[in-house]
ModelCIF file with pLDDT and N, C-alpha, C, O atoms, coordinates in Angstrom:
data_MODEL
#
_entry.id   MODEL 
#
_entity.id                         1 
_entity.type                       polymer 
_entity.pdbx_number_of_molecules   1 
#
_entity_poly.entity_id                      1 
_entity_poly.type                           'polypeptide(L)' 
_entity_poly.nstd_linkage                   no 
_entity_poly.nstd_monomer                   no 
_entity_poly.pdbx_seq_one_letter_code       ASLDTGAFDTFALGDGMYSDALLADLGSDIDGSFGSVPWAE 
_entity_poly.pdbx_seq_one_letter_code_can   ASLDTGAFDTFALGDGMYSDALLADLGSDIDGSFGSVPWAE 
_entity_poly.pdbx_strand_id                 A 
#
loop_
_entity_poly_seq.entity_id 
_entity_poly_seq.num 
_entity_poly_seq.mon_id 
_entity_poly_seq.hetero 
1 1  ALA n 
1 2  SER n 
1 3  LEU n 
1 4  ASP n 
1 5  THR n 
1 6  GLY n 
1 7  ALA n 
1 8  PHE n 
1 9  ASP n 
1 10 THR n 
1 11 PHE n 
1 12 ALA n 
1 13 LEU n 
1 14 GLY n 
1 15 ASP n 
1 16 GLY n 
1 17 MET n 
1 18 TYR n 
1 19 SER n 
1 20 ASP n 
1 21 ALA n 
1 22 LEU n 
1 23 LEU n 
1 24 ALA n 
1 25 ASP n 
1 26 LEU n 
1 27 GLY n 
1 28 SER n 
1 29 ASP n 
1 30 ILE n 
1 31 ASP n 
1 32 GLY n 
1 33 SER n 
1 34 PHE n 
1 35 GLY n 
1 36 SER n 
1 37 VAL n 
1 38 PRO n 
1 39 TRP n 
1 40 ALA n 
1 41 GLU n 
#
_struct_asym.id          A 
_struct_asym.entity_id   1 
#
loop_
_ma_qa_metric.id 
_ma_qa_metric.mode 
_ma_qa_metric.name 
_ma_qa_metric.software_group_id 
_ma_qa_metric.type 
1 global pLDDT . pLDDT 
2 local  pLDDT . pLDDT 
#
_ma_qa_metric_global.metric_id      1 
_ma_qa_metric_global.metric_value   96.02 
_ma_qa_metric_global.model_id       1 
_ma_qa_metric_global.ordinal_id     1 
#
loop_
_ma_qa_metric_local.label_asym_id 
_ma_qa_metric_local.label_comp_id 
_ma_qa_metric_local.label_seq_id 
_ma_qa_metric_local.metric_id 
_ma_qa_metric_local.metric_value 
_ma_qa_metric_local.model_id 
_ma_qa_metric_local.ordinal_id 
A ALA 1  2 98.00 1 1  
A SER 2  2 98.00 1 2  
A LEU 3  2 98.00 1 3  
A ASP 4  2 97.00 1 4  
A THR 5  2 97.00 1 5  
A GLY 6  2 97.00 1 6  
A ALA 7  2 97.00 1 7  
A PHE 8  2 98.00 1 8  
A ASP 9  2 96.00 1 9  
A THR 10 2 97.00 1 10 
A PHE 11 2 98.00 1 11 
A ALA 12 2 98.00 1 12 
A LEU 13 2 98.00 1 13 
A GLY 14 2 98.00 1 14 
A ASP 15 2 97.00 1 15 
A GLY 16 2 96.00 1 16 
A MET 17 2 97.00 1 17 
A TYR 18 2 97.00 1 18 
A SER 19 2 95.00 1 19 
A ASP 20 2 94.00 1 20 
A ALA 21 2 93.00 1 21 
A LEU 22 2 95.00 1 22 
A LEU 23 2 95.00 1 23 
A ALA 24 2 94.00 1 24 
A ASP 25 2 94.00 1 25 
A LEU 26 2 95.00 1 26 
A GLY 27 2 86.00 1 27 
A SER 28 2 91.00 1 28 
A ASP 29 2 96.00 1 29 
A ILE 30 2 97.00 1 30 
A ASP 31 2 97.00 1 31 
A GLY 32 2 97.00 1 32 
A SER 33 2 98.00 1 33 
A PHE 34 2 98.00 1 34 
A GLY 35 2 98.00 1 35 
A SER 36 2 98.00 1 36 
A VAL 37 2 97.00 1 37 
A PRO 38 2 96.00 1 38 
A TRP 39 2 95.00 1 39 
A ALA 40 2 93.00 1 40 
A GLU 41 2 93.00 1 41 
#
loop_
_atom_site.group_PDB 
_atom_site.id 
_atom_site.type_symbol 
_atom_site.label_atom_id 
_atom_site.label_alt_id 
_atom_site.label_comp_id 
_atom_site.label_asym_id 
_atom_site.label_entity_id 
_atom_site.label_seq_id 
_atom_site.pdbx_PDB_ins_code 
_atom_site.Cartn_x 
_atom_site.Cartn_y 
_atom_site.Cartn_z 
_atom_site.occupancy 
_atom_site.B_iso_or_equiv 
_atom_site.pdbx_formal_charge 
_atom_site.auth_seq_id 
_atom_site.auth_comp_id 
_atom_site.auth_asym_id 
_atom_site.auth_atom_id 
_atom_site.pdbx_PDB_model_num 
ATOM 1   N N  . ALA A 1 1  ? -6.572  19.502  2.233  1.00 98.00 ? 1  ALA A N  1 
ATOM 2   C CA . ALA A 1 1  ? -6.630  20.657  1.872  1.00 98.00 ? 1  ALA A CA 1 
ATOM 3   C C  . ALA A 1 1  ? -7.777  21.222  1.117  1.00 98.00 ? 1  ALA A C  1 
ATOM 4   O O  . ALA A 1 1  ? -7.662  22.421  0.863  1.00 98.00 ? 1  ALA A O  1 
ATOM 5   N N  . SER A 1 2  ? -8.971  20.573  0.656  1.00 98.00 ? 2  SER A N  1 
ATOM 6   C CA . SER A 1 2  ? -9.953  21.090  -0.105 1.00 98.00 ? 2  SER A CA 1 
ATOM 7   C C  . SER A 1 2  ? -10.717 21.890  1.625  1.00 98.00 ? 2  SER A C  1 
ATOM 8   O O  . SER A 1 2  ? -11.026 23.082  1.639  1.00 98.00 ? 2  SER A O  1 
ATOM 9   N N  . LEU A 1 3  ? -10.880 21.083  2.762  1.00 98.00 ? 3  LEU A N  1 
ATOM 10  C CA . LEU A 1 3  ? -10.960 21.347  3.834  1.00 98.00 ? 3  LEU A CA 1 
ATOM 11  C C  . LEU A 1 3  ? -10.705 22.734  4.498  1.00 98.00 ? 3  LEU A C  1 
ATOM 12  O O  . LEU A 1 3  ? -11.450 23.585  4.983  1.00 98.00 ? 3  LEU A O  1 
ATOM 13  N N  . ASP A 1 4  ? -9.173  22.611  4.305  1.00 97.00 ? 4  ASP A N  1 
ATOM 14  C CA . ASP A 1 4  ? -8.685  24.173  5.260  1.00 97.00 ? 4  ASP A CA 1 
ATOM 15  C C  . ASP A 1 4  ? -8.928  25.133  4.279  1.00 97.00 ? 4  ASP A C  1 
ATOM 16  O O  . ASP A 1 4  ? -9.010  26.297  4.670  1.00 97.00 ? 4  ASP A O  1 
ATOM 17  N N  . THR A 1 5  ? -9.087  24.860  2.868  1.00 97.00 ? 5  THR A N  1 
ATOM 18  C CA . THR A 1 5  ? -9.620  26.005  2.156  1.00 97.00 ? 5  THR A CA 1 
ATOM 19  C C  . THR A 1 5  ? -10.733 26.585  1.762  1.00 97.00 ? 5  THR A C  1 
ATOM 20  O O  . THR A 1 5  ? -10.923 27.680  1.231  1.00 97.00 ? 5  THR A O  1 
ATOM 21  N N  . GLY A 1 6  ? -11.537 25.636  2.113  1.00 97.00 ? 6  GLY A N  1 
ATOM 22  C CA . GLY A 1 6  ? -12.807 25.686  1.642  1.00 97.00 ? 6  GLY A CA 1 
ATOM 23  C C  . GLY A 1 6  ? -13.463 25.323  0.305  1.00 97.00 ? 6  GLY A C  1 
ATOM 24  O O  . GLY A 1 6  ? -14.620 25.426  -0.101 1.00 97.00 ? 6  GLY A O  1 
ATOM 25  N N  . ALA A 1 7  ? -12.633 24.986  -0.094 1.00 97.00 ? 7  ALA A N  1 
ATOM 26  C CA . ALA A 1 7  ? -12.837 24.708  -1.871 1.00 97.00 ? 7  ALA A CA 1 
ATOM 27  C C  . ALA A 1 7  ? -14.390 23.851  -1.892 1.00 97.00 ? 7  ALA A C  1 
ATOM 28  O O  . ALA A 1 7  ? -15.451 24.142  -2.444 1.00 97.00 ? 7  ALA A O  1 
ATOM 29  N N  . PHE A 1 8  ? -13.944 22.539  -0.932 1.00 98.00 ? 8  PHE A N  1 
ATOM 30  C CA . PHE A 1 8  ? -15.070 21.381  -1.409 1.00 98.00 ? 8  PHE A CA 1 
ATOM 31  C C  . PHE A 1 8  ? -15.812 20.833  0.106  1.00 98.00 ? 8  PHE A C  1 
ATOM 32  O O  . PHE A 1 8  ? -14.988 20.344  0.879  1.00 98.00 ? 8  PHE A O  1 
ATOM 33  N N  . ASP A 1 9  ? -16.908 20.852  0.488  1.00 96.00 ? 9  ASP A N  1 
ATOM 34  C CA . ASP A 1 9  ? -17.148 20.039  1.770  1.00 96.00 ? 9  ASP A CA 1 
ATOM 35  C C  . ASP A 1 9  ? -17.728 18.678  1.535  1.00 96.00 ? 9  ASP A C  1 
ATOM 36  O O  . ASP A 1 9  ? -17.851 17.891  2.473  1.00 96.00 ? 9  ASP A O  1 
ATOM 37  N N  . THR A 1 10 ? -18.107 18.358  0.252  1.00 97.00 ? 10 THR A N  1 
ATOM 38  C CA . THR A 1 10 ? -18.598 17.382  -0.150 1.00 97.00 ? 10 THR A CA 1 
ATOM 39  C C  . THR A 1 10 ? -17.827 16.352  -1.213 1.00 97.00 ? 10 THR A C  1 
ATOM 40  O O  . THR A 1 10 ? -17.309 16.815  -2.229 1.00 97.00 ? 10 THR A O  1 
ATOM 41  N N  . PHE A 1 11 ? -17.780 14.756  -0.879 1.00 98.00 ? 11 PHE A N  1 
ATOM 42  C CA . PHE A 1 11 ? -16.602 14.129  -1.596 1.00 98.00 ? 11 PHE A CA 1 
ATOM 43  C C  . PHE A 1 11 ? -17.153 12.938  -1.818 1.00 98.00 ? 11 PHE A C  1 
ATOM 44  O O  . PHE A 1 11 ? -17.956 12.491  -0.998 1.00 98.00 ? 11 PHE A O  1 
ATOM 45  N N  . ALA A 1 12 ? -16.745 12.081  -3.195 1.00 98.00 ? 12 ALA A N  1 
ATOM 46  C CA . ALA A 1 12 ? -17.183 11.115  -3.808 1.00 98.00 ? 12 ALA A CA 1 
ATOM 47  C C  . ALA A 1 12 ? -16.003 10.288  -3.627 1.00 98.00 ? 12 ALA A C  1 
ATOM 48  O O  . ALA A 1 12 ? -14.931 10.741  -4.029 1.00 98.00 ? 12 ALA A O  1 
ATOM 49  N N  . LEU A 1 13 ? -16.050 8.865   -2.951 1.00 98.00 ? 13 LEU A N  1 
ATOM 50  C CA . LEU A 1 13 ? -14.903 8.689   -2.911 1.00 98.00 ? 13 LEU A CA 1 
ATOM 51  C C  . LEU A 1 13 ? -14.964 7.278   -3.407 1.00 98.00 ? 13 LEU A C  1 
ATOM 52  O O  . LEU A 1 13 ? -16.008 6.627   -3.381 1.00 98.00 ? 13 LEU A O  1 
ATOM 53  N N  . GLY A 1 14 ? -13.795 6.806   -3.871 1.00 98.00 ? 14 GLY A N  1 
ATOM 54  C CA . GLY A 1 14 ? -13.627 5.746   -4.792 1.00 98.00 ? 14 GLY A CA 1 
ATOM 55  C C  . GLY A 1 14 ? -12.992 4.695   -3.599 1.00 98.00 ? 14 GLY A C  1 
ATOM 56  O O  . GLY A 1 14 ? -12.665 5.029   -2.460 1.00 98.00 ? 14 GLY A O  1 
ATOM 57  N N  . ASP A 1 15 ? -12.910 3.229   -4.242 1.00 97.00 ? 15 ASP A N  1 
ATOM 58  C CA . ASP A 1 15 ? -12.458 2.123   -2.813 1.00 97.00 ? 15 ASP A CA 1 
ATOM 59  C C  . ASP A 1 15 ? -11.142 2.498   -2.583 1.00 97.00 ? 15 ASP A C  1 
ATOM 60  O O  . ASP A 1 15 ? -10.826 1.775   -1.639 1.00 97.00 ? 15 ASP A O  1 
ATOM 61  N N  . GLY A 1 16 ? -10.434 3.001   -2.788 1.00 96.00 ? 16 GLY A N  1 
ATOM 62  C CA . GLY A 1 16 ? -8.950  3.113   -2.103 1.00 96.00 ? 16 GLY A CA 1 
ATOM 63  C C  . GLY A 1 16 ? -8.990  4.325   -0.920 1.00 96.00 ? 16 GLY A C  1 
ATOM 64  O O  . GLY A 1 16 ? -8.032  4.669   -0.228 1.00 96.00 ? 16 GLY A O  1 
ATOM 65  N N  . MET A 1 17 ? -10.390 4.886   -0.878 1.00 97.00 ? 17 MET A N  1 
ATOM 66  C CA . MET A 1 17 ? -10.155 6.197   0.041  1.00 97.00 ? 17 MET A CA 1 
ATOM 67  C C  . MET A 1 17 ? -11.288 5.411   1.232  1.00 97.00 ? 17 MET A C  1 
ATOM 68  O O  . MET A 1 17 ? -11.616 6.156   2.155  1.00 97.00 ? 17 MET A O  1 
ATOM 69  N N  . TYR A 1 18 ? -11.849 4.065   1.253  1.00 97.00 ? 18 TYR A N  1 
ATOM 70  C CA . TYR A 1 18 ? -12.385 3.767   2.230  1.00 97.00 ? 18 TYR A CA 1 
ATOM 71  C C  . TYR A 1 18 ? -11.684 2.778   3.194  1.00 97.00 ? 18 TYR A C  1 
ATOM 72  O O  . TYR A 1 18 ? -11.511 1.583   2.958  1.00 97.00 ? 18 TYR A O  1 
ATOM 73  N N  . SER A 1 19 ? -11.145 3.713   4.781  1.00 95.00 ? 19 SER A N  1 
ATOM 74  C CA . SER A 1 19 ? -10.421 3.140   5.267  1.00 95.00 ? 19 SER A CA 1 
ATOM 75  C C  . SER A 1 19 ? -10.590 3.585   7.046  1.00 95.00 ? 19 SER A C  1 
ATOM 76  O O  . SER A 1 19 ? -10.468 4.788   7.272  1.00 95.00 ? 19 SER A O  1 
ATOM 77  N N  . ASP A 1 20 ? -10.806 2.844   8.028  1.00 94.00 ? 20 ASP A N  1 
ATOM 78  C CA . ASP A 1 20 ? -10.952 3.583   9.190  1.00 94.00 ? 20 ASP A CA 1 
ATOM 79  C C  . ASP A 1 20 ? -10.043 4.400   9.647  1.00 94.00 ? 20 ASP A C  1 
ATOM 80  O O  . ASP A 1 20 ? -10.134 5.028   10.701 1.00 94.00 ? 20 ASP A O  1 
ATOM 81  N N  . ALA A 1 21 ? -9.051  4.430   8.812  1.00 93.00 ? 21 ALA A N  1 
ATOM 82  C CA . ALA A 1 21 ? -7.427  5.578   9.352  1.00 93.00 ? 21 ALA A CA 1 
ATOM 83  C C  . ALA A 1 21 ? -8.044  6.820   8.806  1.00 93.00 ? 21 ALA A C  1 
ATOM 84  O O  . ALA A 1 21 ? -7.889  7.890   9.395  1.00 93.00 ? 21 ALA A O  1 
ATOM 85  N N  . LEU A 1 22 ? -8.841  6.712   7.539  1.00 95.00 ? 22 LEU A N  1 
ATOM 86  C CA . LEU A 1 22 ? -9.498  8.129   6.835  1.00 95.00 ? 22 LEU A CA 1 
ATOM 87  C C  . LEU A 1 22 ? -10.248 8.636   8.152  1.00 95.00 ? 22 LEU A C  1 
ATOM 88  O O  . LEU A 1 22 ? -9.909  9.711   8.646  1.00 95.00 ? 22 LEU A O  1 
ATOM 89  N N  . LEU A 1 23 ? -11.033 8.042   8.593  1.00 95.00 ? 23 LEU A N  1 
ATOM 90  C CA . LEU A 1 23 ? -12.361 8.783   9.687  1.00 95.00 ? 23 LEU A CA 1 
ATOM 91  C C  . LEU A 1 23 ? -11.548 8.775   10.901 1.00 95.00 ? 23 LEU A C  1 
ATOM 92  O O  . LEU A 1 23 ? -11.769 9.822   11.509 1.00 95.00 ? 23 LEU A O  1 
ATOM 93  N N  . ALA A 1 24 ? -10.882 8.197   11.384 1.00 94.00 ? 24 ALA A N  1 
ATOM 94  C CA . ALA A 1 24 ? -9.852  8.397   12.582 1.00 94.00 ? 24 ALA A CA 1 
ATOM 95  C C  . ALA A 1 24 ? -9.389  9.854   12.092 1.00 94.00 ? 24 ALA A C  1 
ATOM 96  O O  . ALA A 1 24 ? -9.617  10.711  12.946 1.00 94.00 ? 24 ALA A O  1 
ATOM 97  N N  . ASP A 1 25 ? -8.854  10.288  11.039 1.00 94.00 ? 25 ASP A N  1 
ATOM 98  C CA . ASP A 1 25 ? -7.609  11.728  10.367 1.00 94.00 ? 25 ASP A CA 1 
ATOM 99  C C  . ASP A 1 25 ? -9.238  12.373  10.589 1.00 94.00 ? 25 ASP A C  1 
ATOM 100 O O  . ASP A 1 25 ? -9.526  12.977  11.622 1.00 94.00 ? 25 ASP A O  1 
ATOM 101 N N  . LEU A 1 26 ? -9.978  12.209  9.763  1.00 95.00 ? 26 LEU A N  1 
ATOM 102 C CA . LEU A 1 26 ? -10.893 13.423  9.483  1.00 95.00 ? 26 LEU A CA 1 
ATOM 103 C C  . LEU A 1 26 ? -12.130 13.453  9.881  1.00 95.00 ? 26 LEU A C  1 
ATOM 104 O O  . LEU A 1 26 ? -12.701 14.544  9.876  1.00 95.00 ? 26 LEU A O  1 
ATOM 105 N N  . GLY A 1 27 ? -13.034 11.930  10.444 1.00 86.00 ? 27 GLY A N  1 
ATOM 106 C CA . GLY A 1 27 ? -14.059 12.048  11.481 1.00 86.00 ? 27 GLY A CA 1 
ATOM 107 C C  . GLY A 1 27 ? -15.250 12.824  10.780 1.00 86.00 ? 27 GLY A C  1 
ATOM 108 O O  . GLY A 1 27 ? -15.488 12.657  9.584  1.00 86.00 ? 27 GLY A O  1 
ATOM 109 N N  . SER A 1 28 ? -15.937 13.622  11.526 1.00 91.00 ? 28 SER A N  1 
ATOM 110 C CA . SER A 1 28 ? -17.206 14.132  10.821 1.00 91.00 ? 28 SER A CA 1 
ATOM 111 C C  . SER A 1 28 ? -16.930 15.568  10.142 1.00 91.00 ? 28 SER A C  1 
ATOM 112 O O  . SER A 1 28 ? -17.771 16.388  9.775  1.00 91.00 ? 28 SER A O  1 
ATOM 113 N N  . ASP A 1 29 ? -15.612 15.647  10.078 1.00 96.00 ? 29 ASP A N  1 
ATOM 114 C CA . ASP A 1 29 ? -15.441 16.925  8.759  1.00 96.00 ? 29 ASP A CA 1 
ATOM 115 C C  . ASP A 1 29 ? -16.142 16.353  7.699  1.00 96.00 ? 29 ASP A C  1 
ATOM 116 O O  . ASP A 1 29 ? -16.976 17.094  7.179  1.00 96.00 ? 29 ASP A O  1 
ATOM 117 N N  . ILE A 1 30 ? -15.978 14.770  7.053  1.00 97.00 ? 30 ILE A N  1 
ATOM 118 C CA . ILE A 1 30 ? -16.310 14.648  6.081  1.00 97.00 ? 30 ILE A CA 1 
ATOM 119 C C  . ILE A 1 30 ? -17.499 13.934  6.033  1.00 97.00 ? 30 ILE A C  1 
ATOM 120 O O  . ILE A 1 30 ? -17.667 13.084  5.159  1.00 97.00 ? 30 ILE A O  1 
ATOM 121 N N  . ASP A 1 31 ? -18.541 14.235  7.062  1.00 97.00 ? 31 ASP A N  1 
ATOM 122 C CA . ASP A 1 31 ? -19.864 13.594  7.382  1.00 97.00 ? 31 ASP A CA 1 
ATOM 123 C C  . ASP A 1 31 ? -20.707 14.228  6.000  1.00 97.00 ? 31 ASP A C  1 
ATOM 124 O O  . ASP A 1 31 ? -20.427 15.322  5.511  1.00 97.00 ? 31 ASP A O  1 
ATOM 125 N N  . GLY A 1 32 ? -21.573 13.499  5.582  1.00 97.00 ? 32 GLY A N  1 
ATOM 126 C CA . GLY A 1 32 ? -22.410 13.852  4.192  1.00 97.00 ? 32 GLY A CA 1 
ATOM 127 C C  . GLY A 1 32 ? -21.694 13.234  3.035  1.00 97.00 ? 32 GLY A C  1 
ATOM 128 O O  . GLY A 1 32 ? -22.311 13.122  1.977  1.00 97.00 ? 32 GLY A O  1 
ATOM 129 N N  . SER A 1 33 ? -20.452 12.821  3.123  1.00 98.00 ? 33 SER A N  1 
ATOM 130 C CA . SER A 1 33 ? -19.584 12.488  1.917  1.00 98.00 ? 33 SER A CA 1 
ATOM 131 C C  . SER A 1 33 ? -19.743 10.675  1.824  1.00 98.00 ? 33 SER A C  1 
ATOM 132 O O  . SER A 1 33 ? -20.065 9.977   2.786  1.00 98.00 ? 33 SER A O  1 
ATOM 133 N N  . PHE A 1 34 ? -19.423 10.149  0.400  1.00 98.00 ? 34 PHE A N  1 
ATOM 134 C CA . PHE A 1 34 ? -19.878 9.052   0.092  1.00 98.00 ? 34 PHE A CA 1 
ATOM 135 C C  . PHE A 1 34 ? -18.852 8.192   -1.198 1.00 98.00 ? 34 PHE A C  1 
ATOM 136 O O  . PHE A 1 34 ? -17.961 8.565   -1.962 1.00 98.00 ? 34 PHE A O  1 
ATOM 137 N N  . GLY A 1 35 ? -19.513 6.945   -0.941 1.00 98.00 ? 35 GLY A N  1 
ATOM 138 C CA . GLY A 1 35 ? -18.507 6.325   -1.840 1.00 98.00 ? 35 GLY A CA 1 
ATOM 139 C C  . GLY A 1 35 ? -18.765 4.742   -2.302 1.00 98.00 ? 35 GLY A C  1 
ATOM 140 O O  . GLY A 1 35 ? -19.824 4.164   -2.056 1.00 98.00 ? 35 GLY A O  1 
ATOM 141 N N  . SER A 1 36 ? -17.863 4.243   -2.870 1.00 98.00 ? 36 SER A N  1 
ATOM 142 C CA . SER A 1 36 ? -18.476 2.815   -3.156 1.00 98.00 ? 36 SER A CA 1 
ATOM 143 C C  . SER A 1 36 ? -16.902 1.989   -3.362 1.00 98.00 ? 36 SER A C  1 
ATOM 144 O O  . SER A 1 36 ? -15.907 2.412   -3.951 1.00 98.00 ? 36 SER A O  1 
ATOM 145 N N  . VAL A 1 37 ? -17.093 0.731   -2.679 1.00 97.00 ? 37 VAL A N  1 
ATOM 146 C CA . VAL A 1 37 ? -16.096 0.135   -2.210 1.00 97.00 ? 37 VAL A CA 1 
ATOM 147 C C  . VAL A 1 37 ? -16.573 -1.318  -2.715 1.00 97.00 ? 37 VAL A C  1 
ATOM 148 O O  . VAL A 1 37 ? -17.781 -1.436  -2.513 1.00 97.00 ? 37 VAL A O  1 
ATOM 149 N N  . PRO A 1 38 ? -16.023 -2.426  -3.289 1.00 96.00 ? 38 PRO A N  1 
ATOM 150 C CA . PRO A 1 38 ? -16.173 -3.463  -3.169 1.00 96.00 ? 38 PRO A CA 1 
ATOM 151 C C  . PRO A 1 38 ? -16.934 -4.466  -1.787 1.00 96.00 ? 38 PRO A C  1 
ATOM 152 O O  . PRO A 1 38 ? -16.536 -4.399  -0.624 1.00 96.00 ? 38 PRO A O  1 
ATOM 153 N N  . TRP A 1 39 ? -17.680 -5.046  -2.096 1.00 95.00 ? 39 TRP A N  1 
ATOM 154 C CA . TRP A 1 39 ? -18.309 -5.566  -0.771 1.00 95.00 ? 39 TRP A CA 1 
ATOM 155 C C  . TRP A 1 39 ? -18.996 -6.753  -1.412 1.00 95.00 ? 39 TRP A C  1 
ATOM 156 O O  . TRP A 1 39 ? -19.107 -6.973  -2.618 1.00 95.00 ? 39 TRP A O  1 
ATOM 157 N N  . ALA A 1 40 ? -19.396 -7.411  -0.494 1.00 93.00 ? 40 ALA A N  1 
ATOM 158 C CA . ALA A 1 40 ? -20.813 -8.545  -0.435 1.00 93.00 ? 40 ALA A CA 1 
ATOM 159 C C  . ALA A 1 40 ? -21.848 -8.592  0.958  1.00 93.00 ? 40 ALA A C  1 
ATOM 160 O O  . ALA A 1 40 ? -21.575 -8.366  2.137  1.00 93.00 ? 40 ALA A O  1 
ATOM 161 N N  . GLU A 1 41 ? -23.069 -8.960  0.346  1.00 93.00 ? 41 GLU A N  1 
ATOM 162 C CA . GLU A 1 41 ? -23.657 -9.155  1.700  1.00 93.00 ? 41 GLU A CA 1 
ATOM 163 C C  . GLU A 1 41 ? -24.590 -10.761 1.282  1.00 93.00 ? 41 GLU A C  1 
ATOM 164 O O  . GLU A 1 41 ? -25.261 -11.327 2.144  1.00 93.00 ? 41 GLU A O  1 
#
């Protein structure tokens, strides 16, 4: 809805937003957005 209305174009995402499905649905439309997710190295 933010993209459709031009309300926001940059998004800071919590861990619940990290998924391949999100990229499959929105792709490069959310380039430049960023976030955090529990991970390990």
